[in-house]
């Protein structure tokens, strides 16, 4: 079954139609061009799949956003972090939170796949002198 195009504003309007105007869920969903199950889920307080933090993820969405910002900032300065540096930064962040969960072998590849904006920013070969600036203290500034 094809997915119907609808917006967050449409969902809110449909919810108001049900709660304030007395329309049935089916009528409101049809009026705003969305599946009835979507409207029903939102009325019951179930968040959209895009907002749910998946249990298998190491970092929350805000932590991932901070990591992306750090990677892009490093790249703009000419110090694109290597895969091992990104993994070390994530491990330090997890240690600060008291989580000793190890980073999986394919975690970084999946992270880059989720965030294509950093695809070409990680793992470029750099001069050895540039890595002298990457210290645990510099990593603390990001975290």
Protein backbone atom coordinates (compact mmCIF):
# COMPACT_ATOMS: atom_id res chain seq x y z
CA UNK A 1 0.00 0.00 0.00
CA UNK A 2 1.51 3.38 -0.97
CA UNK A 3 2.35 5.81 1.78
CA UNK A 4 0.18 8.93 1.82
CA UNK A 5 1.98 12.29 1.88
CA UNK A 6 1.05 14.34 4.94
CA UNK A 7 2.68 16.93 7.18
CA UNK A 8 3.00 17.41 10.92
CA UNK A 9 0.63 20.36 10.62
CA UNK A 10 -1.92 18.08 8.97
CA UNK A 11 -1.62 15.62 11.84
CA UNK A 12 -2.19 18.41 14.37
CA UNK A 13 -5.20 19.71 12.45
CA UNK A 14 -6.66 16.20 12.26
CA UNK A 15 -6.14 15.74 16.00
CA UNK A 16 -7.97 19.03 16.64
CA UNK A 17 -10.81 17.93 14.35
CA UNK A 18 -11.25 14.78 16.44
CA UNK A 19 -10.88 16.36 19.87
CA UNK A 20 -12.55 19.75 19.32
CA UNK A 21 -14.85 19.38 16.33
CA UNK A 22 -16.22 15.90 17.04
CA UNK A 23 -15.14 14.22 13.79
CA UNK A 24 -14.40 10.51 13.91
CA UNK A 25 -10.80 9.42 13.50
CA UNK A 26 -11.65 7.89 10.13
CA UNK A 27 -13.26 11.11 8.84
CA UNK A 28 -10.44 13.34 10.11
CA UNK A 29 -7.79 11.05 8.62
CA UNK A 30 -9.51 11.07 5.22
CA UNK A 31 -10.00 14.84 5.34
CA UNK A 32 -6.28 15.44 5.96
CA UNK A 33 -4.98 12.64 3.71
CA UNK A 34 -3.29 10.40 6.25
CA UNK A 35 -3.69 6.83 7.47
CA UNK A 36 -6.17 6.40 10.31
CA UNK A 37 -3.59 4.39 12.26
CA UNK A 38 -1.22 7.36 12.21
CA UNK A 39 -3.89 9.64 13.61
CA UNK A 40 -4.91 7.05 16.18
CA UNK A 41 -1.30 6.59 17.29
CA UNK A 42 -0.75 10.34 17.74
CA UNK A 43 -3.98 10.68 19.73
CA UNK A 44 -2.74 7.90 22.05
CA UNK A 45 0.58 9.71 22.49
CA UNK A 46 2.73 7.38 20.39
CA UNK A 47 5.53 9.43 18.76
CA UNK A 48 6.43 9.08 15.07
CA UNK A 49 9.07 6.50 14.20
CA UNK A 50 11.47 9.25 13.20
CA UNK A 51 11.49 10.61 16.77
CA UNK A 52 11.93 7.32 18.59
CA UNK A 53 15.42 6.56 19.86
CA UNK A 54 16.04 3.00 18.74
CA UNK A 55 17.25 0.71 21.52
CA UNK A 56 20.23 -0.45 19.45
CA UNK A 57 21.66 3.04 19.06
CA UNK A 58 24.64 4.01 21.15
CA UNK A 59 24.01 7.75 21.02
CA UNK A 60 20.86 9.82 21.23
CA UNK A 61 19.90 12.05 18.31
CA UNK A 62 21.25 15.13 20.07
CA UNK A 63 24.56 13.38 20.78
CA UNK A 64 24.80 12.29 17.15
CA UNK A 65 24.11 15.88 16.07
CA UNK A 66 26.92 17.12 18.35
CA UNK A 67 29.28 14.49 16.94
CA UNK A 68 28.42 15.52 13.38
CA UNK A 69 29.01 19.18 14.25
CA UNK A 70 32.39 18.28 15.73
CA UNK A 71 33.39 16.23 12.66
CA UNK A 72 32.38 19.05 10.30
CA UNK A 73 34.19 21.63 12.44
CA UNK A 74 37.37 19.52 12.47
CA UNK A 75 37.14 19.09 8.69
CA UNK A 76 36.67 22.85 8.19
CA UNK A 77 39.83 23.44 10.21
CA UNK A 78 41.70 20.94 8.01
CA UNK A 79 41.81 18.17 10.60
CA UNK A 80 39.31 15.62 9.31
CA UNK A 81 39.21 12.98 12.07
CA UNK A 82 40.09 9.40 11.22
CA UNK A 83 37.80 6.49 11.94
CA UNK A 84 39.80 5.62 15.04
CA UNK A 85 39.57 9.20 16.32
CA UNK A 86 35.79 9.25 15.90
CA UNK A 87 35.53 5.89 17.67
CA UNK A 88 37.77 7.17 20.50
CA UNK A 89 35.61 10.29 20.86
CA UNK A 90 32.42 8.21 21.05
CA UNK A 91 34.03 5.86 23.57
CA UNK A 92 35.04 8.86 25.73
CA UNK A 93 31.50 10.24 25.54
CA UNK A 94 30.05 6.89 26.62
CA UNK A 95 32.57 6.65 29.49
CA UNK A 96 31.54 10.12 30.70
CA UNK A 97 27.97 8.87 30.88
CA UNK A 98 29.04 5.79 32.81
CA UNK A 99 28.21 3.47 29.94
CA UNK A 100 30.92 0.98 29.17
CA UNK A 101 29.09 -0.54 26.22
CA UNK A 102 31.64 -1.36 23.52
CA UNK A 103 31.34 0.18 20.07
CA UNK A 104 30.44 -2.45 17.49
CA UNK A 105 32.65 -3.30 14.54
CA UNK A 106 30.22 -1.80 12.01
CA UNK A 107 28.90 1.07 14.17
CA UNK A 108 30.85 3.79 12.35
CA UNK A 109 29.83 2.54 8.90
CA UNK A 110 26.15 2.60 9.94
CA UNK A 111 26.59 6.05 11.51
CA UNK A 112 28.07 7.44 8.29
CA UNK A 113 25.29 5.79 6.28
CA UNK A 114 22.68 7.49 8.52
CA UNK A 115 24.40 10.86 8.08
CA UNK A 116 25.61 11.21 4.47
CA UNK A 117 26.75 14.81 5.08
CA UNK A 118 29.87 13.44 6.79
CA UNK A 119 30.53 10.65 4.31
CA UNK A 120 33.59 12.29 2.75
CA UNK A 121 34.74 14.06 5.91
CA UNK A 122 35.98 11.05 7.87
CA UNK A 123 39.06 9.01 7.17
CA UNK A 124 40.97 11.22 4.77
CA UNK A 125 44.71 10.81 4.89
CA UNK A 126 46.33 13.65 6.80
CA UNK A 127 49.83 14.80 7.55
CA UNK A 128 51.26 13.29 10.71
CA UNK A 129 51.85 16.74 12.22
CA UNK A 130 48.11 17.46 12.17
CA UNK A 131 47.40 14.57 14.49
CA UNK A 132 49.57 16.08 17.20
CA UNK A 133 46.79 18.62 17.79
CA UNK A 134 44.25 15.88 18.48
CA UNK A 135 44.60 15.20 22.18
CA UNK A 136 42.22 13.98 24.87
CA UNK A 137 42.02 17.60 26.05
CA UNK A 138 40.89 18.76 22.60
CA UNK A 139 38.33 15.97 22.59
CA UNK A 140 36.96 17.24 25.93
CA UNK A 141 36.13 20.59 24.31
CA UNK A 142 33.58 18.85 22.09
CA UNK A 143 32.08 16.60 24.70
